[in-house]
Amino acid sequence: MQQTTSAHINQGQYQDLMFGDFVEFIDPAGAPWLDDTGRVWEDPGHALEFVGLASKVILAMQAVPTQDPSLLARRGSLYKLGRAVFPSVFENAFKMEYSSDRGGMCKAVDLFTRLPINSDIPWWNLPETKRAAVLLPRLLPKLDGRDHMHVADACLDSTVRFYVRPNLGYLPIQTRSADGECIDVIPAIPDADPLYHYGLSLIGSLQRLN
């Protein structure tokens, strides 16, 4: 987690990017990778997935009773790291790309121009964002949980309205185009991925809301 944070999350080391930008690819020299046209890629879904999953890990660690000094130090270090960067990663990725009218977030954006590189709208980043929106205020109680619950509600609404298909056993379609049409593009794996992104993210969110 710390390696990902130090390399892929801008904490001021990449002066041309915003604090909290999540850099998708790093070059061999340890700098943001530039594509052939000089763009720096971010997948907003990956940024939000990282926040949600990392928050889940830290919350799980906090729930384990221990007096082990090394574990306590590790837990404290990760919490401090999350407090410093997770809110900015979440806010940057969500505000840059989510559109309620469009019903989701595009696959990739250029962190320099903040414009889409790949305008496909995959389904999986919505439940991942919902999980991040629910868990982050639990991890960091000083955040305004009302704002994050608004994000969680918006993502669930978009998932149900634009992706979930009752005639397919309530599994989601995988990808839509920028104009909202279903398209024959598989973003990750050749099935509906009903467990990892969809099921686990939503179940993890509901567990924390109860």
Foldseek 3Di string as FASTA:
>chain_A
DVVQCVQFADCPPQVLFDHQAGFPDADPVSHFDAPPVGFTKDFLLVLLLCLLVLLVVLVVLVPDDDPPVVSVVVSVVSLVSSVSHSVSNLCVSCVLADDLVQLAGFGMAGRNVSHDPGQKGFLLSLLSNLSSLQRSCVSVVVDDNVVSVVSNVSSVVSNQPQFQDVVVVRQGQTIAGSVRHRDDDHPPDPDSCCPDRPNVSVVSNVVSVD
